[in-house]
PDB file of N, CA and C in Angstrom:
ATOM      1  N   ALA A   1       4.111 -13.812  -0.168  1.00  0.00           N
ATOM      2  CA  ALA A   1       5.004 -14.825   0.429  1.00  0.00           C
ATOM      3  C   ALA A   1       5.818 -15.300  -0.681  1.00  0.00           C
ATOM      4  N   GLY A   2       5.648 -14.816  -1.721  1.00  0.00           N
ATOM      5  CA  GLY A   2       6.588 -15.169  -2.948  1.00  0.00           C
ATOM      6  C   GLY A   2       6.105 -16.603  -3.635  1.00  0.00           C
ATOM      7  N   ILE A   3       4.996 -16.905  -3.411  1.00  0.00           N
ATOM      8  CA  ILE A   3       4.446 -18.152  -4.063  1.00  0.00           C
ATOM      9  C   ILE A   3       3.564 -17.780  -5.155  1.00  0.00           C
ATOM     10  N   CYS A   4       3.656 -18.452  -6.239  1.00  0.00           N
ATOM     11  CA  CYS A   4       2.882 -18.404  -7.346  1.00  0.00           C
ATOM     12  C   CYS A   4       1.885 -19.329  -7.297  1.00  0.00           C
ATOM     13  N   ALA A   5       0.401 -19.031  -7.369  1.00  0.00           N
ATOM     14  CA  ALA A   5      -0.542 -20.071  -7.363  1.00  0.00           C
ATOM     15  C   ALA A   5      -1.811 -19.762  -8.147  1.00  0.00           C
ATOM     16  N   SER A   6      -2.821 -20.597  -8.374  1.00  0.00           N
ATOM     17  CA  SER A   6      -3.933 -20.179  -9.258  1.00  0.00           C
ATOM     18  C   SER A   6      -5.026 -20.729  -8.487  1.00  0.00           C
ATOM     19  N   ALA A   7      -6.295 -20.052  -8.784  1.00  0.00           N
ATOM     20  CA  ALA A   7      -7.466 -20.644  -8.216  1.00  0.00           C
ATOM     21  C   ALA A   7      -8.278 -21.471  -9.259  1.00  0.00           C
ATOM     22  N   GLY A   8      -7.764 -21.426 -10.409  1.00  0.00           N
ATOM     23  CA  GLY A   8      -8.285 -22.339 -11.422  1.00  0.00           C
ATOM     24  C   GLY A   8      -7.530 -23.272 -12.041  1.00  0.00           C
ATOM     25  N   SER A   9      -8.179 -23.996 -13.119  1.00  0.00           N
ATOM     26  CA  SER A   9      -7.265 -24.950 -13.795  1.00  0.00           C
ATOM     27  C   SER A   9      -6.380 -24.148 -14.832  1.00  0.00           C
ATOM     28  N   ALA A  10      -5.311 -24.774 -15.311  1.00  0.00           N
ATOM     29  CA  ALA A  10      -4.297 -24.240 -16.233  1.00  0.00           C
ATOM     30  C   ALA A  10      -4.922 -23.996 -17.468  1.00  0.00           C
ATOM     31  N   CYS A  11      -5.980 -24.886 -17.848  1.00  0.00           N
ATOM     32  CA  CYS A  11      -6.323 -24.635 -19.260  1.00  0.00           C
ATOM     33  C   CYS A  11      -7.641 -23.748 -19.283  1.00  0.00           C
ATOM     34  N   ASN A  12      -8.051 -23.294 -17.953  1.00  0.00           N
ATOM     35  CA  ASN A  12      -9.328 -22.250 -18.057  1.00  0.00           C
ATOM     36  C   ASN A  12      -8.827 -21.273 -16.938  1.00  0.00           C
ATOM     37  N   ALA A  13      -7.637 -20.596 -17.140  1.00  0.00           N
ATOM     38  CA  ALA A  13      -7.017 -19.602 -16.293  1.00  0.00           C
ATOM     39  C   ALA A  13      -8.190 -18.416 -16.060  1.00  0.00           C
ATOM     40  N   LYS A  14      -8.999 -18.067 -17.101  1.00  0.00           N
ATOM     41  CA  LYS A  14      -9.693 -16.816 -16.912  1.00  0.00           C
ATOM     42  C   LYS A  14     -11.033 -17.131 -16.584  1.00  0.00           C
ATOM     43  N   ASP A  15     -11.477 -18.471 -16.436  1.00  0.00           N
ATOM     44  CA  ASP A  15     -12.987 -18.946 -16.123  1.00  0.00           C
ATOM     45  C   ASP A  15     -12.960 -18.942 -14.652  1.00  0.00           C
ATOM     46  N   THR A  16     -14.151 -18.338 -14.321  1.00  0.00           N
ATOM     47  CA  THR A  16     -14.233 -18.347 -12.737  1.00  0.00           C
ATOM     48  C   THR A  16     -15.478 -19.470 -12.329  1.00  0.00           C
ATOM     49  N   ALA A  17     -15.833 -20.173 -13.280  1.00  0.00           N
ATOM     50  CA  ALA A  17     -16.854 -21.252 -12.992  1.00  0.00           C
ATOM     51  C   ALA A  17     -16.069 -22.349 -12.137  1.00  0.00           C
ATOM     52  N   PRO A  18     -16.892 -23.251 -11.555  1.00  0.00           N
ATOM     53  CA  PRO A  18     -16.144 -24.356 -10.658  1.00  0.00           C
ATOM     54  C   PRO A  18     -15.303 -25.231 -11.533  1.00  0.00           C
ATOM     55  N   SER A  19     -14.281 -25.765 -10.911  1.00  0.00           N
ATOM     56  CA  SER A  19     -13.453 -26.714 -11.719  1.00  0.00           C
ATOM     57  C   SER A  19     -14.152 -27.750 -12.237  1.00  0.00           C
ATOM     58  N   HIS A  20     -14.082 -27.987 -13.566  1.00  0.00           N
ATOM     59  CA  HIS A  20     -14.703 -29.147 -14.207  1.00  0.00           C
ATOM     60  C   HIS A  20     -14.135 -30.383 -13.617  1.00  0.00           C
ATOM     61  N   VAL A  21     -12.981 -30.576 -13.415  1.00  0.00           N
ATOM     62  CA  VAL A  21     -12.177 -31.538 -12.838  1.00  0.00           C
ATOM     63  C   VAL A  21     -12.748 -32.030 -11.550  1.00  0.00           C
ATOM     64  N   LEU A  22     -12.958 -30.990 -10.561  1.00  0.00           N
ATOM     65  CA  LEU A  22     -13.517 -31.326  -9.258  1.00  0.00           C
ATOM     66  C   LEU A  22     -14.783 -31.583  -9.240  1.00  0.00           C
ATOM     67  N   THR A  23     -15.727 -31.071 -10.196  1.00  0.00           N
ATOM     68  CA  THR A  23     -17.049 -31.352 -10.188  1.00  0.00           C
ATOM     69  C   THR A  23     -17.172 -32.714 -10.675  1.00  0.00           C
ATOM     70  N   ALA A  24     -16.243 -33.155 -11.719  1.00  0.00           N
ATOM     71  CA  ALA A  24     -16.509 -34.421 -12.261  1.00  0.00           C
ATOM     72  C   ALA A  24     -16.225 -35.520 -11.346  1.00  0.00           C
ATOM     73  N   ILE A  25     -15.327 -35.343 -10.078  1.00  0.00           N
ATOM     74  CA  ILE A  25     -15.065 -36.291  -9.214  1.00  0.00           C
ATOM     75  C   ILE A  25     -15.949 -36.275  -8.136  1.00  0.00           C
ATOM     76  N   GLY A  26     -17.066 -35.505  -8.335  1.00  0.00           N
ATOM     77  CA  GLY A  26     -18.142 -35.453  -7.205  1.00  0.00           C
ATOM     78  C   GLY A  26     -18.206 -34.289  -6.187  1.00  0.00           C
ATOM     79  N   ARG A  27     -17.167 -33.318  -6.396  1.00  0.00           N
ATOM     80  CA  ARG A  27     -17.005 -32.332  -5.325  1.00  0.00           C
ATOM     81  C   ARG A  27     -18.111 -31.215  -5.733  1.00  0.00           C
ATOM     82  N   ASP A  28     -18.548 -30.384  -4.615  1.00  0.00           N
ATOM     83  CA  ASP A  28     -19.680 -29.646  -4.864  1.00  0.00           C
ATOM     84  C   ASP A  28     -19.018 -28.178  -5.440  1.00  0.00           C
ATOM     85  N   ALA A  29     -20.001 -27.240  -5.842  1.00  0.00           N
ATOM     86  CA  ALA A  29     -19.555 -26.099  -6.478  1.00  0.00           C
ATOM     87  C   ALA A  29     -18.617 -25.147  -5.481  1.00  0.00           C
ATOM     88  N   ALA A  30     -18.876 -25.274  -4.074  1.00  0.00           N
ATOM     89  CA  ALA A  30     -18.090 -24.547  -3.403  1.00  0.00           C
ATOM     90  C   ALA A  30     -16.609 -25.001  -3.273  1.00  0.00           C
ATOM     91  N   ALA A  31     -16.458 -26.370  -3.523  1.00  0.00           N
ATOM     92  CA  ALA A  31     -14.989 -26.977  -3.497  1.00  0.00           C
ATOM     93  C   ALA A  31     -14.528 -26.586  -4.825  1.00  0.00           C
ATOM     94  N   GLY A  32     -15.368 -26.539  -5.810  1.00  0.00           N
ATOM     95  CA  GLY A  32     -14.971 -26.280  -7.172  1.00  0.00           C
ATOM     96  C   GLY A  32     -14.543 -24.741  -7.382  1.00  0.00           C
ATOM     97  N   THR A  33     -14.900 -23.879  -6.652  1.00  0.00           N
ATOM     98  CA  THR A  33     -14.526 -22.344  -6.737  1.00  0.00           C
ATOM     99  C   THR A  33     -13.548 -22.027  -5.719  1.00  0.00           C
ATOM    100  N   SER A  34     -13.301 -22.901  -4.700  1.00  0.00           N
ATOM    101  CA  SER A  34     -12.296 -22.325  -3.526  1.00  0.00           C
ATOM    102  C   SER A  34     -11.019 -23.283  -3.624  1.00  0.00           C
ATOM    103  N   SER A  35     -10.860 -24.110  -4.816  1.00  0.00           N
ATOM    104  CA  SER A  35      -9.451 -24.770  -4.718  1.00  0.00           C
ATOM    105  C   SER A  35      -8.254 -23.817  -4.949  1.00  0.00           C
ATOM    106  N   LEU A  36      -7.191 -24.418  -4.839  1.00  0.00           N
ATOM    107  CA  LEU A  36      -6.049 -23.777  -5.147  1.00  0.00           C
ATOM    108  C   LEU A  36      -5.038 -24.722  -5.716  1.00  0.00           C
ATOM    109  N   ARG A  37      -4.431 -24.197  -6.781  1.00  0.00           N
ATOM    110  CA  ARG A  37      -3.504 -25.110  -7.717  1.00  0.00           C
ATOM    111  C   ARG A  37      -2.152 -24.698  -7.512  1.00  0.00           C
ATOM    112  N   LEU A  38      -1.210 -25.555  -7.047  1.00  0.00           N
ATOM    113  CA  LEU A  38       0.024 -25.284  -7.023  1.00  0.00           C
ATOM    114  C   LEU A  38       0.982 -26.279  -7.986  1.00  0.00           C
ATOM    115  N   THR A  39       1.901 -25.834  -8.589  1.00  0.00           N
ATOM    116  CA  THR A  39       2.743 -26.628  -9.379  1.00  0.00           C
ATOM    117  C   THR A  39       4.155 -26.635  -8.750  1.00  0.00           C
ATOM    118  N   LEU A  40       4.781 -27.979  -8.710  1.00  0.00           N
ATOM    119  CA  LEU A  40       6.031 -28.228  -8.143  1.00  0.00           C
ATOM    120  C   LEU A  40       6.935 -28.646  -9.296  1.00  0.00           C
ATOM    121  N   GLY A  41       8.057 -28.536  -9.241  1.00  0.00           N
ATOM    122  CA  GLY A  41       9.062 -28.981 -10.274  1.00  0.00           C
ATOM    123  C   GLY A  41      10.225 -29.729  -9.806  1.00  0.00           C
ATOM    124  N   ARG A  42      11.038 -30.149 -10.393  1.00  0.00           N
ATOM    125  CA  ARG A  42      12.212 -30.919  -9.966  1.00  0.00           C
ATOM    126  C   ARG A  42      13.170 -30.243  -9.200  1.00  0.00           C
ATOM    127  N   GLU A  43      13.067 -28.948  -9.339  1.00  0.00           N
ATOM    128  CA  GLU A  43      14.077 -27.869  -8.530  1.00  0.00           C
ATOM    129  C   GLU A  43      13.577 -27.618  -7.154  1.00  0.00           C
ATOM    130  N   ASN A  44      12.250 -28.061  -6.985  1.00  0.00           N
ATOM    131  CA  ASN A  44      11.784 -27.654  -5.471  1.00  0.00           C
ATOM    132  C   ASN A  44      12.252 -28.695  -4.460  1.00  0.00           C
ATOM    133  N   THR A  45      12.322 -28.331  -3.349  1.00  0.00           N
ATOM    134  CA  THR A  45      12.980 -29.137  -2.362  1.00  0.00           C
ATOM    135  C   THR A  45      11.795 -29.452  -1.316  1.00  0.00           C
ATOM    136  N   MET A  46      12.012 -30.328  -0.337  1.00  0.00           N
ATOM    137  CA  MET A  46      11.119 -30.645   0.821  1.00  0.00           C
ATOM    138  C   MET A  46      11.015 -29.201   1.669  1.00  0.00           C
ATOM    139  N   GLU A  47      12.009 -28.330   1.726  1.00  0.00           N
ATOM    140  CA  GLU A  47      12.101 -27.217   2.453  1.00  0.00           C
ATOM    141  C   GLU A  47      10.902 -26.251   1.784  1.00  0.00           C
ATOM    142  N   ASP A  48      11.038 -26.231   0.434  1.00  0.00           N
ATOM    143  CA  ASP A  48      10.069 -25.371  -0.412  1.00  0.00           C
ATOM    144  C   ASP A  48       8.755 -25.936  -0.074  1.00  0.00           C
ATOM    145  N   VAL A  49       8.398 -27.079   0.046  1.00  0.00           N
ATOM    146  CA  VAL A  49       7.022 -27.737   0.211  1.00  0.00           C
ATOM    147  C   VAL A  49       6.680 -27.196   1.610  1.00  0.00           C
ATOM    148  N   GLU A  50       7.445 -27.366   2.449  1.00  0.00           N
ATOM    149  CA  GLU A  50       7.204 -27.079   3.947  1.00  0.00           C
ATOM    150  C   GLU A  50       6.912 -25.509   4.108  1.00  0.00           C
ATOM    151  N   ALA A  51       7.663 -24.716   3.134  1.00  0.00           N
ATOM    152  CA  ALA A  51       7.398 -23.373   3.395  1.00  0.00           C
ATOM    153  C   ALA A  51       6.177 -23.034   2.713  1.00  0.00           C
ATOM    154  N   ILE A  52       5.934 -23.532   1.679  1.00  0.00           N
ATOM    155  CA  ILE A  52       4.584 -23.302   1.118  1.00  0.00           C
ATOM    156  C   ILE A  52       3.339 -23.800   1.906  1.00  0.00           C
ATOM    157  N   LEU A  53       3.534 -24.897   2.463  1.00  0.00           N
ATOM    158  CA  LEU A  53       2.472 -25.287   3.352  1.00  0.00           C
ATOM    159  C   LEU A  53       2.212 -24.324   4.528  1.00  0.00           C
ATOM    160  N   SER A  54       3.311 -23.843   5.204  1.00  0.00           N
ATOM    161  CA  SER A  54       3.232 -23.066   6.200  1.00  0.00           C
ATOM    162  C   SER A  54       2.598 -21.652   5.786  1.00  0.00           C
ATOM    163  N   ALA A  55       3.076 -21.147   4.704  1.00  0.00           N
ATOM    164  CA  ALA A  55       2.523 -19.919   4.123  1.00  0.00           C
ATOM    165  C   ALA A  55       1.186 -19.999   3.789  1.00  0.00           C
ATOM    166  N   VAL A  56       0.813 -20.948   3.099  1.00  0.00           N
ATOM    167  CA  VAL A  56      -0.724 -21.142   2.568  1.00  0.00           C
ATOM    168  C   VAL A  56      -1.631 -21.273   3.825  1.00  0.00           C
ATOM    169  N   GLY A  57      -1.152 -22.023   4.824  1.00  0.00           N
ATOM    170  CA  GLY A  57      -2.020 -22.100   6.141  1.00  0.00           C
ATOM    171  C   GLY A  57      -2.330 -20.778   6.685  1.00  0.00           C
ATOM    172  N   GLU A  58      -1.197 -20.051   6.815  1.00  0.00           N
ATOM    173  CA  GLU A  58      -1.265 -18.408   7.274  1.00  0.00           C
ATOM    174  C   GLU A  58      -2.225 -17.587   6.303  1.00  0.00           C
ATOM    175  N   ILE A  59      -2.025 -17.844   5.045  1.00  0.00           N
ATOM    176  CA  ILE A  59      -2.613 -16.799   4.114  1.00  0.00           C
ATOM    177  C   ILE A  59      -4.312 -17.214   4.274  1.00  0.00           C
ATOM    178  N   THR A  60      -4.563 -18.552   4.351  1.00  0.00           N
ATOM    179  CA  THR A  60      -5.877 -19.008   4.217  1.00  0.00           C
ATOM    180  C   THR A  60      -6.677 -18.436   5.496  1.00  0.00           C
ATOM    181  N   LYS A  61      -5.919 -18.558   6.629  1.00  0.00           N
ATOM    182  CA  LYS A  61      -6.430 -17.944   7.931  1.00  0.00           C
ATOM    183  C   LYS A  61      -6.760 -16.640   7.805  1.00  0.00           C
ATOM    184  N   THR A  62      -5.927 -15.724   7.383  1.00  0.00           N
ATOM    185  CA  THR A  62      -6.092 -14.398   7.154  1.00  0.00           C
ATOM    186  C   THR A  62      -7.328 -13.988   6.191  1.00  0.00           C
ATOM    187  N   LEU A  63      -7.530 -14.965   5.072  1.00  0.00           N
ATOM    188  CA  LEU A  63      -8.326 -14.602   4.190  1.00  0.00           C
ATOM    189  C   LEU A  63      -9.775 -14.889   4.755  1.00  0.00           C
ATOM    190  N   ARG A  64      -9.857 -15.926   5.443  1.00  0.00           N
ATOM    191  CA  ARG A  64     -10.966 -16.242   6.348  1.00  0.00           C
ATOM    192  C   ARG A  64     -11.573 -15.397   7.197  1.00  0.00           C
ATOM    193  N   GLU A  65     -10.544 -14.763   7.876  1.00  0.00           N
ATOM    194  CA  GLU A  65     -10.833 -13.752   8.888  1.00  0.00           C
ATOM    195  C   GLU A  65     -11.389 -12.649   8.201  1.00  0.00           C
ATOM    196  N   MET A  66     -11.060 -12.520   7.000  1.00  0.00           N
ATOM    197  CA  MET A  66     -11.527 -11.222   6.144  1.00  0.00           C
ATOM    198  C   MET A  66     -13.109 -11.307   5.673  1.00  0.00           C
ATOM    199  N   GLN A  67     -13.546 -12.493   5.462  1.00  0.00           N
ATOM    200  CA  GLN A  67     -14.771 -12.710   5.006  1.00  0.00           C
ATOM    201  C   GLN A  67     -15.902 -12.361   5.963  1.00  0.00           C
ATOM    202  N   PRO A  68     -17.055 -11.769   5.403  1.00  0.00           N
ATOM    203  CA  PRO A  68     -18.007 -11.342   6.226  1.00  0.00           C
ATOM    204  C   PRO A  68     -18.815 -12.579   6.768  1.00  0.00           C
ATOM    205  N   GLY A  69     -19.255 -12.525   7.911  1.00  0.00           N
ATOM    206  CA  GLY A  69     -20.256 -13.545   8.610  1.00  0.00           C
ATOM    207  C   GLY A  69     -19.564 -14.821   8.629  1.00  0.00           C
TER     208      GLY A  69
END
């Protein structure tokens, strides 16, 4: 969809452990390993945000359908 995203924190890009930030604020390991990080800048518009939200929703639905059980 032309969107760059990460499943981990910027400082631990290769680490597959749960996000230390999310666990520090009380989130469980499942939330810490299933989070998505998106970064926006000054150049982004509300239309960009709306397109991202729409695409992420569709992508998430597709990925959940692919999971077993």
